[in-house]
Amino acid sequence: MEENKEVESKVKVEIDETGPVKITGNFILKDLQRGTETKPGEVLLCACGKTSRQPFCDNSHEKKS
């Protein structure tokens, strides 16, 4: 019988209702519009649509309207 083993993920995605989507780990980020590819290790992607740096978070979600 096969044992239940926890698999350690190389990438972690954290979603916060009031903030950005945080991605950490060993991954490749492809920017198709600019034709670039990076391995940032950590990135915060905008989930609210208010950022001026799409697709990256600039903490606009914290600013009062």
PDB file of N, CA and C in Angstrom:
ATOM      1  N   MET A   1       0.833  -1.176   0.000  1.00  0.00           N
ATOM      2  CA  MET A   1       0.000   0.000   0.000  1.00  0.00           C
ATOM      3  C   MET A   1       0.883   1.247   0.000  1.00  0.00           C
ATOM      4  N   GLU A   2       0.508   2.221  -0.803  1.00  0.00           N
ATOM      5  CA  GLU A   2       1.304   3.437  -0.948  1.00  0.00           C
ATOM      6  C   GLU A   2       1.041   4.396   0.211  1.00  0.00           C
ATOM      7  N   GLU A   3       2.125   4.973   0.764  1.00  0.00           N
ATOM      8  CA  GLU A   3       1.999   5.920   1.871  1.00  0.00           C
ATOM      9  C   GLU A   3       1.573   7.286   1.361  1.00  0.00           C
ATOM     10  N   ASN A   4       0.817   8.000   2.201  1.00  0.00           N
ATOM     11  CA  ASN A   4       0.479   9.384   1.877  1.00  0.00           C
ATOM     12  C   ASN A   4       1.679  10.252   2.207  1.00  0.00           C
ATOM     13  N   LYS A   5       2.285  10.842   1.205  1.00  0.00           N
ATOM     14  CA  LYS A   5       3.446  11.691   1.388  1.00  0.00           C
ATOM     15  C   LYS A   5       3.089  13.106   0.967  1.00  0.00           C
ATOM     16  N   GLU A   6       3.469  14.075   1.809  1.00  0.00           N
ATOM     17  CA  GLU A   6       3.271  15.466   1.426  1.00  0.00           C
ATOM     18  C   GLU A   6       4.331  15.841   0.414  1.00  0.00           C
ATOM     19  N   VAL A   7       3.908  16.462  -0.650  1.00  0.00           N
ATOM     20  CA  VAL A   7       4.818  16.900  -1.689  1.00  0.00           C
ATOM     21  C   VAL A   7       5.116  18.376  -1.446  1.00  0.00           C
ATOM     22  N   GLU A   8       6.391  18.716  -1.339  1.00  0.00           N
ATOM     23  CA  GLU A   8       6.781  20.103  -1.138  1.00  0.00           C
ATOM     24  C   GLU A   8       6.735  20.823  -2.470  1.00  0.00           C
ATOM     25  N   SER A   9       5.917  21.866  -2.520  1.00  0.00           N
ATOM     26  CA  SER A   9       5.760  22.625  -3.746  1.00  0.00           C
ATOM     27  C   SER A   9       6.948  23.551  -3.958  1.00  0.00           C
ATOM     28  N   LYS A  10       7.325  23.751  -5.206  1.00  0.00           N
ATOM     29  CA  LYS A  10       8.402  24.672  -5.532  1.00  0.00           C
ATOM     30  C   LYS A  10       7.860  26.086  -5.724  1.00  0.00           C
ATOM     31  N   VAL A  11       6.551  26.199  -5.858  1.00  0.00           N
ATOM     32  CA  VAL A  11       5.910  27.494  -6.048  1.00  0.00           C
ATOM     33  C   VAL A  11       4.770  27.619  -5.053  1.00  0.00           C
ATOM     34  N   LYS A  12       4.667  28.806  -4.437  1.00  0.00           N
ATOM     35  CA  LYS A  12       3.596  29.064  -3.487  1.00  0.00           C
ATOM     36  C   LYS A  12       2.807  30.264  -3.980  1.00  0.00           C
ATOM     37  N   VAL A  13       1.480  30.133  -4.038  1.00  0.00           N
ATOM     38  CA  VAL A  13       0.594  31.212  -4.466  1.00  0.00           C
ATOM     39  C   VAL A  13      -0.306  31.551  -3.285  1.00  0.00           C
ATOM     40  N   GLU A  14      -0.230  32.826  -2.842  1.00  0.00           N
ATOM     41  CA  GLU A  14      -1.049  33.282  -1.726  1.00  0.00           C
ATOM     42  C   GLU A  14      -2.026  34.332  -2.233  1.00  0.00           C
ATOM     43  N   ILE A  15      -3.309  34.125  -1.935  1.00  0.00           N
ATOM     44  CA  ILE A  15      -4.352  35.045  -2.368  1.00  0.00           C
ATOM     45  C   ILE A  15      -4.970  35.675  -1.131  1.00  0.00           C
ATOM     46  N   ASP A  16      -4.963  37.013  -1.100  1.00  0.00           N
ATOM     47  CA  ASP A  16      -5.518  37.780   0.014  1.00  0.00           C
ATOM     48  C   ASP A  16      -6.673  38.609  -0.534  1.00  0.00           C
ATOM     49  N   GLU A  17      -7.839  38.534   0.094  1.00  0.00           N
ATOM     50  CA  GLU A  17      -9.009  39.262  -0.392  1.00  0.00           C
ATOM     51  C   GLU A  17      -8.785  40.765  -0.465  1.00  0.00           C
ATOM     52  N   THR A  18      -7.914  41.296   0.371  1.00  0.00           N
ATOM     53  CA  THR A  18      -7.701  42.745   0.420  1.00  0.00           C
ATOM     54  C   THR A  18      -6.370  43.181  -0.182  1.00  0.00           C
ATOM     55  N   GLY A  19      -5.675  42.276  -0.800  1.00  0.00           N
ATOM     56  CA  GLY A  19      -4.363  42.631  -1.334  1.00  0.00           C
ATOM     57  C   GLY A  19      -4.038  41.903  -2.608  1.00  0.00           C
ATOM     58  N   PRO A  20      -2.754  41.885  -2.951  1.00  0.00           N
ATOM     59  CA  PRO A  20      -2.309  41.272  -4.203  1.00  0.00           C
ATOM     60  C   PRO A  20      -2.214  39.751  -4.121  1.00  0.00           C
ATOM     61  N   VAL A  21      -1.968  39.153  -5.264  1.00  0.00           N
ATOM     62  CA  VAL A  21      -1.654  37.731  -5.343  1.00  0.00           C
ATOM     63  C   VAL A  21      -0.136  37.636  -5.254  1.00  0.00           C
ATOM     64  N   LYS A  22       0.351  36.942  -4.240  1.00  0.00           N
ATOM     65  CA  LYS A  22       1.795  36.808  -4.009  1.00  0.00           C
ATOM     66  C   LYS A  22       2.239  35.431  -4.488  1.00  0.00           C
ATOM     67  N   ILE A  23       3.236  35.423  -5.387  1.00  0.00           N
ATOM     68  CA  ILE A  23       3.781  34.166  -5.902  1.00  0.00           C
ATOM     69  C   ILE A  23       5.254  34.117  -5.529  1.00  0.00           C
ATOM     70  N   THR A  24       5.659  33.055  -4.850  1.00  0.00           N
ATOM     71  CA  THR A  24       7.053  32.885  -4.453  1.00  0.00           C
ATOM     72  C   THR A  24       7.530  31.499  -4.861  1.00  0.00           C
ATOM     73  N   GLY A  25       8.823  31.399  -5.096  1.00  0.00           N
ATOM     74  CA  GLY A  25       9.397  30.103  -5.425  1.00  0.00           C
ATOM     75  C   GLY A  25      10.206  30.132  -6.702  1.00  0.00           C
ATOM     76  N   ASN A  26      10.395  28.972  -7.244  1.00  0.00           N
ATOM     77  CA  ASN A  26      11.180  28.786  -8.459  1.00  0.00           C
ATOM     78  C   ASN A  26      10.231  28.722  -9.651  1.00  0.00           C
ATOM     79  N   PHE A  27      10.038  29.868 -10.322  1.00  0.00           N
ATOM     80  CA  PHE A  27       9.117  29.922 -11.448  1.00  0.00           C
ATOM     81  C   PHE A  27       9.640  30.894 -12.494  1.00  0.00           C
ATOM     82  N   ILE A  28       9.054  30.834 -13.667  1.00  0.00           N
ATOM     83  CA  ILE A  28       9.414  31.735 -14.764  1.00  0.00           C
ATOM     84  C   ILE A  28       8.225  32.648 -15.019  1.00  0.00           C
ATOM     85  N   LEU A  29       8.489  33.945 -15.082  1.00  0.00           N
ATOM     86  CA  LEU A  29       7.457  34.937 -15.380  1.00  0.00           C
ATOM     87  C   LEU A  29       7.675  35.430 -16.806  1.00  0.00           C
ATOM     88  N   LYS A  30       6.713  35.138 -17.683  1.00  0.00           N
ATOM     89  CA  LYS A  30       6.812  35.562 -19.077  1.00  0.00           C
ATOM     90  C   LYS A  30       5.916  36.766 -19.309  1.00  0.00           C
ATOM     91  N   ASP A  31       6.487  37.833 -19.825  1.00  0.00           N
ATOM     92  CA  ASP A  31       5.738  39.026 -20.215  1.00  0.00           C
ATOM     93  C   ASP A  31       5.578  38.956 -21.721  1.00  0.00           C
ATOM     94  N   LEU A  32       4.426  38.501 -22.168  1.00  0.00           N
ATOM     95  CA  LEU A  32       4.205  38.290 -23.594  1.00  0.00           C
ATOM     96  C   LEU A  32       4.150  39.599 -24.372  1.00  0.00           C
ATOM     97  N   GLN A  33       3.695  40.667 -23.727  1.00  0.00           N
ATOM     98  CA  GLN A  33       3.615  41.966 -24.399  1.00  0.00           C
ATOM     99  C   GLN A  33       5.004  42.520 -24.707  1.00  0.00           C
ATOM    100  N   ARG A  34       5.942  42.354 -23.790  1.00  0.00           N
ATOM    101  CA  ARG A  34       7.287  42.893 -23.968  1.00  0.00           C
ATOM    102  C   ARG A  34       8.285  41.843 -24.457  1.00  0.00           C
ATOM    103  N   GLY A  35       7.860  40.592 -24.499  1.00  0.00           N
ATOM    104  CA  GLY A  35       8.729  39.526 -24.965  1.00  0.00           C
ATOM    105  C   GLY A  35       9.887  39.233 -24.020  1.00  0.00           C
ATOM    106  N   THR A  36       9.620  39.366 -22.697  1.00  0.00           N
ATOM    107  CA  THR A  36      10.670  39.110 -21.713  1.00  0.00           C
ATOM    108  C   THR A  36      10.316  37.901 -20.857  1.00  0.00           C
ATOM    109  N   GLU A  37      11.332  37.359 -20.245  1.00  0.00           N
ATOM    110  CA  GLU A  37      11.186  36.203 -19.375  1.00  0.00           C
ATOM    111  C   GLU A  37      12.153  36.372 -18.213  1.00  0.00           C
ATOM    112  N   THR A  38      11.651  36.278 -16.966  1.00  0.00           N
ATOM    113  CA  THR A  38      12.498  36.428 -15.788  1.00  0.00           C
ATOM    114  C   THR A  38      12.205  35.327 -14.775  1.00  0.00           C
ATOM    115  N   LYS A  39      13.099  35.176 -13.824  1.00  0.00           N
ATOM    116  CA  LYS A  39      12.919  34.265 -12.698  1.00  0.00           C
ATOM    117  C   LYS A  39      13.016  35.107 -11.431  1.00  0.00           C
ATOM    118  N   PRO A  40      11.941  35.816 -11.071  1.00  0.00           N
ATOM    119  CA  PRO A  40      12.022  36.778  -9.983  1.00  0.00           C
ATOM    120  C   PRO A  40      12.103  36.202  -8.576  1.00  0.00           C
ATOM    121  N   GLY A  41      11.659  34.986  -8.347  1.00  0.00           N
ATOM    122  CA  GLY A  41      11.687  34.421  -6.996  1.00  0.00           C
ATOM    123  C   GLY A  41      10.481  34.835  -6.176  1.00  0.00           C
ATOM    124  N   GLU A  42      10.012  36.075  -6.363  1.00  0.00           N
ATOM    125  CA  GLU A  42       8.809  36.562  -5.697  1.00  0.00           C
ATOM    126  C   GLU A  42       8.197  37.667  -6.540  1.00  0.00           C
ATOM    127  N   VAL A  43       6.886  37.658  -6.637  1.00  0.00           N
ATOM    128  CA  VAL A  43       6.187  38.698  -7.385  1.00  0.00           C
ATOM    129  C   VAL A  43       4.831  38.933  -6.728  1.00  0.00           C
ATOM    130  N   LEU A  44       4.396  40.196  -6.733  1.00  0.00           N
ATOM    131  CA  LEU A  44       3.078  40.572  -6.239  1.00  0.00           C
ATOM    132  C   LEU A  44       2.273  41.069  -7.432  1.00  0.00           C
ATOM    133  N   LEU A  45       1.220  40.344  -7.777  1.00  0.00           N
ATOM    134  CA  LEU A  45       0.390  40.708  -8.911  1.00  0.00           C
ATOM    135  C   LEU A  45      -0.886  41.380  -8.424  1.00  0.00           C
ATOM    136  N   CYS A  46      -1.285  42.441  -9.108  1.00  0.00           N
ATOM    137  CA  CYS A  46      -2.461  43.211  -8.731  1.00  0.00           C
ATOM    138  C   CYS A  46      -3.724  42.370  -8.880  1.00  0.00           C
ATOM    139  N   ALA A  47      -4.570  42.414  -7.857  1.00  0.00           N
ATOM    140  CA  ALA A  47      -5.847  41.712  -7.910  1.00  0.00           C
ATOM    141  C   ALA A  47      -7.018  42.690  -7.907  1.00  0.00           C
ATOM    142  N   CYS A  48      -6.749  43.974  -7.627  1.00  0.00           N
ATOM    143  CA  CYS A  48      -7.840  44.947  -7.515  1.00  0.00           C
ATOM    144  C   CYS A  48      -8.030  45.776  -8.780  1.00  0.00           C
ATOM    145  N   GLY A  49      -7.021  45.835  -9.650  1.00  0.00           N
ATOM    146  CA  GLY A  49      -7.119  46.607 -10.880  1.00  0.00           C
ATOM    147  C   GLY A  49      -6.787  48.081 -10.743  1.00  0.00           C
ATOM    148  N   LYS A  50      -6.385  48.521  -9.541  1.00  0.00           N
ATOM    149  CA  LYS A  50      -6.100  49.939  -9.309  1.00  0.00           C
ATOM    150  C   LYS A  50      -4.645  50.332  -9.570  1.00  0.00           C
ATOM    151  N   THR A  51      -3.771  49.393  -9.728  1.00  0.00           N
ATOM    152  CA  THR A  51      -2.347  49.683  -9.878  1.00  0.00           C
ATOM    153  C   THR A  51      -2.040  50.441 -11.167  1.00  0.00           C
ATOM    154  N   SER A  52      -1.003  51.240 -11.104  1.00  0.00           N
ATOM    155  CA  SER A  52      -0.534  51.927 -12.314  1.00  0.00           C
ATOM    156  C   SER A  52       0.610  51.153 -12.957  1.00  0.00           C
ATOM    157  N   ARG A  53       0.947  50.004 -12.373  1.00  0.00           N
ATOM    158  CA  ARG A  53       2.077  49.193 -12.859  1.00  0.00           C
ATOM    159  C   ARG A  53       1.609  47.809 -13.311  1.00  0.00           C
ATOM    160  N   GLN A  54       0.470  47.694 -13.950  1.00  0.00           N
ATOM    161  CA  GLN A  54      -0.067  46.393 -14.343  1.00  0.00           C
ATOM    162  C   GLN A  54       1.001  45.517 -14.973  1.00  0.00           C
ATOM    163  N   PRO A  55       1.078  44.268 -14.636  1.00  0.00           N
ATOM    164  CA  PRO A  55       0.200  43.513 -13.759  1.00  0.00           C
ATOM    165  C   PRO A  55       0.664  43.515 -12.303  1.00  0.00           C
ATOM    166  N   PHE A  56       1.663  44.326 -11.975  1.00  0.00           N
ATOM    167  CA  PHE A  56       2.266  44.302 -10.646  1.00  0.00           C
ATOM    168  C   PHE A  56       1.538  45.207  -9.659  1.00  0.00           C
ATOM    169  N   CYS A  57       1.531  44.822  -8.410  1.00  0.00           N
ATOM    170  CA  CYS A  57       0.891  45.582  -7.345  1.00  0.00           C
ATOM    171  C   CYS A  57       1.760  46.783  -6.973  1.00  0.00           C
ATOM    172  N   ASP A  58       1.121  47.953  -6.799  1.00  0.00           N
ATOM    173  CA  ASP A  58       1.832  49.139  -6.302  1.00  0.00           C
ATOM    174  C   ASP A  58       1.192  49.650  -5.006  1.00  0.00           C
ATOM    175  N   ASN A  59       0.454  48.783  -4.337  1.00  0.00           N
ATOM    176  CA  ASN A  59      -0.246  49.067  -3.080  1.00  0.00           C
ATOM    177  C   ASN A  59      -1.382  50.071  -3.224  1.00  0.00           C
ATOM    178  N   SER A  60      -1.908  50.273  -4.424  1.00  0.00           N
ATOM    179  CA  SER A  60      -3.043  51.165  -4.621  1.00  0.00           C
ATOM    180  C   SER A  60      -4.267  50.698  -3.841  1.00  0.00           C
ATOM    181  N   HIS A  61      -4.365  49.395  -3.563  1.00  0.00           N
ATOM    182  CA  HIS A  61      -5.497  48.852  -2.810  1.00  0.00           C
ATOM    183  C   HIS A  61      -5.553  49.415  -1.382  1.00  0.00           C
ATOM    184  N   GLU A  62      -4.410  49.926  -0.884  1.00  0.00           N
ATOM    185  CA  GLU A  62      -4.343  50.487   0.473  1.00  0.00           C
ATOM    186  C   GLU A  62      -4.694  51.962   0.515  1.00  0.00           C
ATOM    187  N   LYS A  63      -4.676  52.616  -0.636  1.00  0.00           N
ATOM    188  CA  LYS A  63      -4.944  54.054  -0.696  1.00  0.00           C
ATOM    189  C   LYS A  63      -6.435  54.326  -0.634  1.00  0.00           C
ATOM    190  N   LYS A  64      -6.797  55.341   0.146  1.00  0.00           N
ATOM    191  CA  LYS A  64      -8.199  55.723   0.274  1.00  0.00           C
ATOM    192  C   LYS A  64      -8.618  56.559  -0.922  1.00  0.00           C
ATOM    193  N   SER A  65      -9.845  56.344  -1.366  1.00  0.00           N
ATOM    194  CA  SER A  65     -10.373  57.071  -2.537  1.00  0.00           C
ATOM    195  C   SER A  65     -10.843  58.446  -2.163  1.00  0.00           C
TER     196      SER A  65
END
